Amino acid sequence: MGFDLLTLGSQGVLTAQRQLNTTGHNISNVNTEGYSRQSVEQRANDSAYWSANQWGAGVHAAAVRRNYDKFATNEFNITTSALAHAQTRNGQLTLLDDMMSHSAKKIPENMNEFYGAVKGWQTARVTWARAKWCWKNPASLPQAQRH
């Protein structure tokens, strides 16, 4: 970096050109969905000390940054994750509903068999001790009904 006026002036013009390019980019993409505005961060170059004097060394474009609203971005992320959770839950509940609607025809048959077995015990006048033994030993249930 030089300290002459031509170098300082050219650095200033190049920085301003970078800012104008970014502004043009922002204008051309203003209607683009999802586009966020950009801005140029301008910084001063380190100054130099010569004798007892301080000499400025001009400016430069340090960075081009995207400007966005952090609150809006956070709310969007929360809403998107809540929507995904609701869609997943809806899919799982739909699957469960389909399974239950197809198996609902079989449930009454199984319940009728169970109540028929209980009624059979009632008519056979099974003692409480024998019934308790059958509940604890279900593998031997067919043998117990033969006796």
N, C-alpha and C. Protein backbone atom coordinates (compact mmCIF):
# COMPACT_ATOMS: atom_id res chain seq x y z
N MET A 1 0.84 -1.17 0.00
CA MET A 1 0.00 0.00 0.00
C MET A 1 0.89 1.23 0.00
N GLY A 2 0.49 2.08 -0.84
CA GLY A 2 1.25 3.34 -0.89
C GLY A 2 0.52 4.42 -0.14
N PHE A 3 1.20 5.52 0.04
CA PHE A 3 0.61 6.64 0.77
C PHE A 3 0.27 7.79 -0.16
N ASP A 4 0.43 7.60 -1.45
CA ASP A 4 0.16 8.70 -2.36
C ASP A 4 -1.34 8.84 -2.62
N LEU A 5 -1.75 9.95 -3.10
CA LEU A 5 -3.16 10.25 -3.32
C LEU A 5 -3.79 9.35 -4.38
N LEU A 6 -3.03 8.97 -5.40
CA LEU A 6 -3.56 8.10 -6.46
C LEU A 6 -3.95 6.73 -5.90
N THR A 7 -3.13 6.16 -5.04
CA THR A 7 -3.44 4.86 -4.43
C THR A 7 -4.64 4.98 -3.50
N LEU A 8 -4.66 6.02 -2.68
CA LEU A 8 -5.79 6.21 -1.78
C LEU A 8 -7.09 6.39 -2.55
N GLY A 9 -7.03 7.18 -3.61
CA GLY A 9 -8.22 7.42 -4.43
C GLY A 9 -8.70 6.16 -5.14
N SER A 10 -7.76 5.37 -5.68
CA SER A 10 -8.15 4.14 -6.39
C SER A 10 -8.77 3.12 -5.42
N GLN A 11 -8.25 3.03 -4.19
CA GLN A 11 -8.82 2.12 -3.21
C GLN A 11 -10.25 2.55 -2.85
N GLY A 12 -10.45 3.85 -2.70
CA GLY A 12 -11.78 4.35 -2.40
C GLY A 12 -12.76 4.07 -3.53
N VAL A 13 -12.29 4.27 -4.79
CA VAL A 13 -13.17 4.03 -5.95
C VAL A 13 -13.48 2.53 -6.08
N LEU A 14 -12.50 1.67 -5.87
CA LEU A 14 -12.74 0.22 -5.95
C LEU A 14 -13.72 -0.24 -4.86
N THR A 15 -13.62 0.33 -3.68
CA THR A 15 -14.55 -0.02 -2.60
C THR A 15 -15.96 0.45 -2.95
N ALA A 16 -16.06 1.67 -3.48
CA ALA A 16 -17.38 2.19 -3.89
C ALA A 16 -17.95 1.35 -5.03
N GLN A 17 -17.10 0.89 -5.96
CA GLN A 17 -17.56 0.04 -7.06
C GLN A 17 -18.10 -1.28 -6.52
N ARG A 18 -17.44 -1.84 -5.54
CA ARG A 18 -17.92 -3.09 -4.92
C ARG A 18 -19.29 -2.86 -4.28
N GLN A 19 -19.47 -1.72 -3.62
CA GLN A 19 -20.76 -1.41 -3.01
C GLN A 19 -21.84 -1.21 -4.07
N LEU A 20 -21.50 -0.56 -5.18
CA LEU A 20 -22.48 -0.38 -6.26
C LEU A 20 -22.85 -1.70 -6.91
N ASN A 21 -21.87 -2.58 -7.08
CA ASN A 21 -22.17 -3.91 -7.64
C ASN A 21 -23.13 -4.68 -6.73
N THR A 22 -22.91 -4.60 -5.44
CA THR A 22 -23.78 -5.28 -4.48
C THR A 22 -25.18 -4.68 -4.51
N THR A 23 -25.27 -3.35 -4.61
CA THR A 23 -26.58 -2.69 -4.70
C THR A 23 -27.30 -3.13 -5.97
N GLY A 24 -26.59 -3.18 -7.09
CA GLY A 24 -27.20 -3.66 -8.33
C GLY A 24 -27.66 -5.10 -8.22
N HIS A 25 -26.89 -5.92 -7.55
CA HIS A 25 -27.27 -7.32 -7.32
C HIS A 25 -28.55 -7.39 -6.48
N ASN A 26 -28.63 -6.54 -5.45
CA ASN A 26 -29.83 -6.51 -4.61
C ASN A 26 -31.05 -6.08 -5.42
N ILE A 27 -30.90 -5.09 -6.26
CA ILE A 27 -32.03 -4.59 -7.07
C ILE A 27 -32.48 -5.64 -8.08
N SER A 28 -31.53 -6.31 -8.72
CA SER A 28 -31.92 -7.30 -9.74
C SER A 28 -32.58 -8.53 -9.13
N ASN A 29 -32.33 -8.82 -7.86
CA ASN A 29 -32.90 -10.02 -7.23
C ASN A 29 -33.99 -9.70 -6.22
N VAL A 30 -34.53 -8.49 -6.26
CA VAL A 30 -35.50 -8.10 -5.25
C VAL A 30 -36.76 -8.96 -5.30
N ASN A 31 -37.16 -9.45 -6.46
CA ASN A 31 -38.37 -10.27 -6.58
C ASN A 31 -38.09 -11.77 -6.56
N THR A 32 -36.86 -12.17 -6.35
CA THR A 32 -36.50 -13.58 -6.29
C THR A 32 -36.92 -14.14 -4.94
N GLU A 33 -37.66 -15.25 -4.98
CA GLU A 33 -38.15 -15.86 -3.74
C GLU A 33 -36.99 -16.40 -2.92
N GLY A 34 -36.95 -16.06 -1.65
CA GLY A 34 -35.92 -16.55 -0.76
C GLY A 34 -34.64 -15.74 -0.77
N TYR A 35 -34.56 -14.70 -1.56
CA TYR A 35 -33.35 -13.90 -1.62
C TYR A 35 -33.29 -12.95 -0.44
N SER A 36 -32.13 -12.81 0.16
CA SER A 36 -31.95 -11.84 1.24
C SER A 36 -30.93 -10.79 0.79
N ARG A 37 -31.17 -9.59 1.22
CA ARG A 37 -30.35 -8.44 0.82
C ARG A 37 -28.92 -8.62 1.30
N GLN A 38 -27.98 -8.09 0.51
CA GLN A 38 -26.58 -8.13 0.88
C GLN A 38 -26.07 -6.72 1.13
N SER A 39 -25.07 -6.61 1.96
CA SER A 39 -24.43 -5.32 2.19
C SER A 39 -22.93 -5.51 2.27
N VAL A 40 -22.20 -4.45 1.93
CA VAL A 40 -20.74 -4.50 1.95
C VAL A 40 -20.24 -3.87 3.24
N GLU A 41 -19.35 -4.57 3.90
CA GLU A 41 -18.73 -4.04 5.11
C GLU A 41 -17.44 -3.34 4.70
N GLN A 42 -17.37 -2.07 4.99
CA GLN A 42 -16.23 -1.25 4.59
C GLN A 42 -15.36 -0.98 5.82
N ARG A 43 -14.05 -1.21 5.68
CA ARG A 43 -13.11 -0.98 6.79
C ARG A 43 -11.95 -0.11 6.34
N ALA A 44 -11.44 0.60 7.31
CA ALA A 44 -10.27 1.43 7.04
C ALA A 44 -9.02 0.57 7.09
N ASN A 45 -8.08 0.85 6.19
CA ASN A 45 -6.79 0.17 6.24
C ASN A 45 -6.00 0.70 7.43
N ASP A 46 -5.07 -0.10 7.89
CA ASP A 46 -4.24 0.33 9.01
C ASP A 46 -3.46 1.58 8.62
N SER A 47 -3.43 2.51 9.51
CA SER A 47 -2.69 3.76 9.23
C SER A 47 -1.21 3.55 9.52
N ALA A 48 -0.43 4.42 8.95
CA ALA A 48 1.01 4.33 9.13
C ALA A 48 1.51 5.57 9.87
N TYR A 49 2.52 5.38 10.68
CA TYR A 49 3.12 6.49 11.41
C TYR A 49 4.48 6.79 10.78
N TRP A 50 4.62 8.05 10.41
CA TRP A 50 5.89 8.46 9.81
C TRP A 50 6.30 9.73 10.50
N SER A 51 7.43 9.69 11.08
CA SER A 51 7.89 10.78 11.95
C SER A 51 6.90 10.92 13.09
N ALA A 52 6.39 12.07 13.29
CA ALA A 52 5.40 12.30 14.35
C ALA A 52 4.00 12.36 13.77
N ASN A 53 3.85 12.01 12.51
CA ASN A 53 2.57 12.12 11.82
C ASN A 53 1.92 10.75 11.59
N GLN A 54 0.61 10.76 11.52
CA GLN A 54 -0.14 9.54 11.20
C GLN A 54 -0.71 9.71 9.81
N TRP A 55 -0.46 8.72 8.96
CA TRP A 55 -0.91 8.78 7.58
C TRP A 55 -1.99 7.71 7.36
N GLY A 56 -3.13 8.10 6.85
CA GLY A 56 -4.18 7.14 6.53
C GLY A 56 -3.83 6.36 5.28
N ALA A 57 -4.30 5.13 5.21
CA ALA A 57 -3.96 4.26 4.08
C ALA A 57 -5.19 3.89 3.27
N GLY A 58 -6.31 4.57 3.44
CA GLY A 58 -7.49 4.32 2.63
C GLY A 58 -8.43 3.30 3.24
N VAL A 59 -9.34 2.80 2.39
CA VAL A 59 -10.36 1.84 2.83
C VAL A 59 -10.36 0.63 1.92
N HIS A 60 -11.04 -0.40 2.37
CA HIS A 60 -11.22 -1.60 1.55
C HIS A 60 -12.56 -2.25 1.92
N ALA A 61 -13.07 -3.07 1.00
CA ALA A 61 -14.31 -3.81 1.25
C ALA A 61 -13.92 -5.09 1.99
N ALA A 62 -14.27 -5.14 3.27
CA ALA A 62 -13.84 -6.27 4.10
C ALA A 62 -14.66 -7.52 3.82
N ALA A 63 -15.97 -7.37 3.64
CA ALA A 63 -16.82 -8.54 3.44
C ALA A 63 -18.15 -8.13 2.84
N VAL A 64 -18.77 -9.07 2.15
CA VAL A 64 -20.15 -8.91 1.68
C VAL A 64 -20.99 -9.86 2.52
N ARG A 65 -21.94 -9.31 3.25
CA ARG A 65 -22.75 -10.11 4.19
C ARG A 65 -24.21 -10.11 3.79
N ARG A 66 -24.87 -11.22 4.07
CA ARG A 66 -26.32 -11.31 3.86
C ARG A 66 -27.04 -10.73 5.06
N ASN A 67 -28.02 -9.90 4.82
CA ASN A 67 -28.82 -9.33 5.89
C ASN A 67 -30.11 -10.13 5.99
N TYR A 68 -30.41 -10.60 7.17
CA TYR A 68 -31.65 -11.33 7.39
C TYR A 68 -32.13 -11.07 8.81
N ASP A 69 -33.40 -11.30 8.99
CA ASP A 69 -34.02 -11.09 10.29
C ASP A 69 -33.90 -12.39 11.09
N LYS A 70 -33.14 -12.36 12.16
CA LYS A 70 -32.91 -13.58 12.95
C LYS A 70 -34.21 -14.05 13.60
N PHE A 71 -35.06 -13.12 14.04
CA PHE A 71 -36.32 -13.50 14.65
C PHE A 71 -37.20 -14.24 13.64
N ALA A 72 -37.31 -13.68 12.43
CA ALA A 72 -38.14 -14.32 11.40
C ALA A 72 -37.57 -15.69 11.02
N THR A 73 -36.26 -15.80 10.92
CA THR A 73 -35.64 -17.08 10.60
C THR A 73 -35.90 -18.11 11.69
N ASN A 74 -35.80 -17.69 12.95
CA ASN A 74 -36.06 -18.59 14.07
C ASN A 74 -37.52 -19.04 14.08
N GLU A 75 -38.45 -18.11 13.85
CA GLU A 75 -39.87 -18.46 13.81
C GLU A 75 -40.16 -19.42 12.65
N PHE A 76 -39.52 -19.20 11.52
CA PHE A 76 -39.69 -20.09 10.37
C PHE A 76 -39.21 -21.49 10.70
N ASN A 77 -38.06 -21.60 11.36
CA ASN A 77 -37.53 -22.92 11.74
C ASN A 77 -38.45 -23.63 12.72
N ILE A 78 -38.98 -22.89 13.69
CA ILE A 78 -39.89 -23.49 14.67
C ILE A 78 -41.16 -23.98 13.98
N THR A 79 -41.73 -23.14 13.10
CA THR A 79 -42.95 -23.51 12.40
C THR A 79 -42.73 -24.72 11.49
N THR A 80 -41.60 -24.73 10.80
CA THR A 80 -41.29 -25.85 9.91
C THR A 80 -41.14 -27.15 10.68
N SER A 81 -40.45 -27.10 11.82
CA SER A 81 -40.28 -28.34 12.60
C SER A 81 -41.60 -28.78 13.22
N ALA A 82 -42.45 -27.83 13.63
CA ALA A 82 -43.76 -28.20 14.17
C ALA A 82 -44.63 -28.83 13.09
N LEU A 83 -44.55 -28.30 11.87
CA LEU A 83 -45.31 -28.87 10.75
C LEU A 83 -44.83 -30.29 10.44
N ALA A 84 -43.52 -30.49 10.43
CA ALA A 84 -42.98 -31.83 10.17
C ALA A 84 -43.42 -32.81 11.25
N HIS A 85 -43.44 -32.35 12.50
CA HIS A 85 -43.90 -33.21 13.60
C HIS A 85 -45.37 -33.57 13.41
N ALA A 86 -46.19 -32.60 13.04
CA ALA A 86 -47.62 -32.86 12.85
C ALA A 86 -47.85 -33.81 11.68
N GLN A 87 -47.09 -33.63 10.60
CA GLN A 87 -47.24 -34.52 9.44
C GLN A 87 -46.82 -35.95 9.78
N THR A 88 -45.74 -36.10 10.53
CA THR A 88 -45.30 -37.44 10.95
C THR A 88 -46.33 -38.09 11.85
N ARG A 89 -46.86 -37.32 12.80
CA ARG A 89 -47.89 -37.85 13.71
C ARG A 89 -49.13 -38.26 12.94
N ASN A 90 -49.54 -37.43 11.97
CA ASN A 90 -50.71 -37.74 11.16
C ASN A 90 -50.49 -39.03 10.36
N GLY A 91 -49.29 -39.20 9.81
CA GLY A 91 -48.99 -40.42 9.06
C GLY A 91 -49.04 -41.66 9.94
N GLN A 92 -48.51 -41.55 11.14
CA GLN A 92 -48.52 -42.69 12.05
C GLN A 92 -49.93 -43.02 12.52
N LEU A 93 -50.72 -41.99 12.80
CA LEU A 93 -52.10 -42.23 13.23
C LEU A 93 -52.94 -42.81 12.10
N THR A 94 -52.68 -42.38 10.86
CA THR A 94 -53.38 -42.95 9.71
C THR A 94 -53.04 -44.42 9.55
N LEU A 95 -51.76 -44.75 9.73
CA LEU A 95 -51.34 -46.16 9.66
C LEU A 95 -52.02 -46.99 10.74
N LEU A 96 -52.07 -46.45 11.96
CA LEU A 96 -52.73 -47.16 13.05
C LEU A 96 -54.23 -47.32 12.78
N ASP A 97 -54.85 -46.28 12.23
CA ASP A 97 -56.27 -46.35 11.90
C ASP A 97 -56.54 -47.42 10.85
N ASP A 98 -55.67 -47.49 9.84
CA ASP A 98 -55.83 -48.53 8.81
C ASP A 98 -55.68 -49.92 9.41
N MET A 99 -54.68 -50.09 10.29
CA MET A 99 -54.48 -51.41 10.91
C MET A 99 -55.68 -51.80 11.75
N MET A 100 -56.20 -50.86 12.53
CA MET A 100 -57.34 -51.17 13.40
C MET A 100 -58.62 -51.42 12.60
N SER A 101 -58.79 -50.71 11.49
CA SER A 101 -60.02 -50.92 10.72
C SER A 101 -60.03 -52.29 10.05
N HIS A 102 -58.85 -52.81 9.69
CA HIS A 102 -58.80 -54.14 9.07
C HIS A 102 -58.88 -55.25 10.10
N SER A 103 -58.35 -54.99 11.30
CA SER A 103 -58.36 -56.05 12.31
C SER A 103 -59.62 -55.99 13.17
N ALA A 104 -60.43 -54.95 13.01
CA ALA A 104 -61.63 -54.82 13.84
C ALA A 104 -62.62 -55.95 13.60
N LYS A 105 -62.60 -56.55 12.42
CA LYS A 105 -63.52 -57.65 12.12
C LYS A 105 -63.13 -58.90 12.90
N LYS A 106 -61.85 -59.03 13.22
CA LYS A 106 -61.38 -60.23 13.91
C LYS A 106 -61.52 -60.10 15.43
N ILE A 107 -61.50 -58.90 15.96
CA ILE A 107 -61.57 -58.71 17.41
C ILE A 107 -62.85 -59.28 18.00
N PRO A 108 -64.04 -59.01 17.44
CA PRO A 108 -65.25 -59.60 18.05
C PRO A 108 -65.24 -61.12 18.07
N GLU A 109 -64.68 -61.75 17.04
CA GLU A 109 -64.61 -63.21 17.02
C GLU A 109 -63.75 -63.71 18.18
N ASN A 110 -62.60 -63.07 18.41
CA ASN A 110 -61.73 -63.48 19.51
C ASN A 110 -62.39 -63.24 20.86
N MET A 111 -63.10 -62.13 20.98
CA MET A 111 -63.79 -61.85 22.24
C MET A 111 -64.90 -62.87 22.48
N ASN A 112 -65.60 -63.26 21.44
CA ASN A 112 -66.65 -64.28 21.58
C ASN A 112 -66.05 -65.61 22.02
N GLU A 113 -64.90 -65.98 21.48
CA GLU A 113 -64.24 -67.22 21.90
C GLU A 113 -63.86 -67.15 23.37
N PHE A 114 -63.32 -66.00 23.80
CA PHE A 114 -62.91 -65.85 25.20
C PHE A 114 -64.12 -65.96 26.12
N TYR A 115 -65.18 -65.22 25.81
CA TYR A 115 -66.36 -65.27 26.68
C TYR A 115 -67.03 -66.65 26.63
N GLY A 116 -66.95 -67.33 25.48
CA GLY A 116 -67.46 -68.69 25.40
C GLY A 116 -66.69 -69.63 26.32
N ALA A 117 -65.37 -69.44 26.40
CA ALA A 117 -64.56 -70.28 27.29
C ALA A 117 -64.90 -69.99 28.74
N VAL A 118 -65.08 -68.69 29.07
CA VAL A 118 -65.45 -68.35 30.44
C VAL A 118 -66.81 -68.93 30.78
N LYS A 119 -67.74 -68.85 29.85
CA LYS A 119 -69.07 -69.40 30.08
C LYS A 119 -69.00 -70.92 30.24
N GLY A 120 -68.12 -71.55 29.46
CA GLY A 120 -67.93 -72.99 29.58
C GLY A 120 -67.42 -73.37 30.96
N TRP A 121 -66.56 -72.58 31.53
CA TRP A 121 -66.07 -72.84 32.89
C TRP A 121 -67.21 -72.69 33.89
N GLN A 122 -68.03 -71.70 33.63
CA GLN A 122 -69.14 -71.45 34.56
C GLN A 122 -70.11 -72.63 34.55
N THR A 123 -70.40 -73.14 33.37
CA THR A 123 -71.34 -74.26 33.30
C THR A 123 -70.71 -75.55 33.80
N ALA A 124 -69.40 -75.68 33.73
CA ALA A 124 -68.72 -76.89 34.20
C ALA A 124 -68.51 -76.83 35.70
N ARG A 125 -68.83 -75.74 36.33
CA ARG A 125 -68.70 -75.57 37.77
C ARG A 125 -67.29 -75.90 38.24
N VAL A 126 -66.35 -75.17 37.61
CA VAL A 126 -64.95 -75.35 37.97
C VAL A 126 -64.71 -74.67 39.30
N THR A 127 -63.97 -75.31 40.16
CA THR A 127 -63.68 -74.72 41.46
C THR A 127 -62.67 -73.58 41.28
N TRP A 128 -62.68 -72.67 42.26
CA TRP A 128 -61.79 -71.50 42.19
C TRP A 128 -60.34 -71.95 42.19
N ALA A 129 -59.97 -72.92 42.93
CA ALA A 129 -58.59 -73.40 42.98
C ALA A 129 -58.16 -73.94 41.63
N ARG A 130 -59.05 -74.69 40.99
CA ARG A 130 -58.72 -75.26 39.68
C ARG A 130 -58.60 -74.15 38.63
N ALA A 131 -59.48 -73.14 38.68
CA ALA A 131 -59.42 -72.02 37.74
C ALA A 131 -58.12 -71.24 37.92
N LYS A 132 -57.72 -71.02 39.17
CA LYS A 132 -56.49 -70.30 39.46
C LYS A 132 -55.29 -71.09 38.93
N TRP A 133 -55.31 -72.41 39.09
CA TRP A 133 -54.24 -73.26 38.59
C TRP A 133 -54.16 -73.18 37.07
N CYS A 134 -55.30 -73.13 36.40
CA CYS A 134 -55.32 -73.04 34.93
C CYS A 134 -54.76 -71.71 34.46
N TRP A 135 -55.06 -70.64 35.17
CA TRP A 135 -54.53 -69.33 34.77
C TRP A 135 -53.03 -69.27 34.94
N LYS A 136 -52.49 -69.93 35.97
CA LYS A 136 -51.05 -69.93 36.20
C LYS A 136 -50.32 -70.88 35.26
N ASN A 137 -50.99 -71.90 34.78
CA ASN A 137 -50.38 -72.91 33.91
C ASN A 137 -51.15 -73.00 32.59
N PRO A 138 -51.07 -72.00 31.73
CA PRO A 138 -51.88 -72.02 30.51
C PRO A 138 -51.49 -73.12 29.54
N ALA A 139 -50.26 -73.63 29.61
CA ALA A 139 -49.84 -74.69 28.70
C ALA A 139 -50.58 -75.99 28.99
N SER A 140 -50.98 -76.16 30.22
CA SER A 140 -51.66 -77.39 30.60
C SER A 140 -53.17 -77.22 30.57
N LEU A 141 -53.67 -76.15 30.00
CA LEU A 141 -55.11 -75.89 29.98
C LEU A 141 -55.89 -76.96 29.24
N PRO A 142 -55.46 -77.42 28.07
CA PRO A 142 -56.24 -78.50 27.43
C PRO A 142 -56.29 -79.77 28.28
N GLN A 143 -55.24 -80.07 29.01
CA GLN A 143 -55.26 -81.24 29.89
C GLN A 143 -56.24 -81.04 31.04
N ALA A 144 -56.29 -79.82 31.57
CA ALA A 144 -57.18 -79.55 32.72
C ALA A 144 -58.62 -79.63 32.29
N GLN A 145 -58.95 -79.27 31.06
CA GLN A 145 -60.34 -79.33 30.63
C GLN A 145 -60.77 -80.78 30.40
N ARG A 146 -59.84 -81.70 30.21
CA ARG A 146 -60.20 -83.10 30.01
C ARG A 146 -60.59 -83.78 31.32
N HIS A 147 -60.11 -83.29 32.42
CA HIS A 147 -60.39 -83.95 33.71
C HIS A 147 -61.73 -83.61 34.24
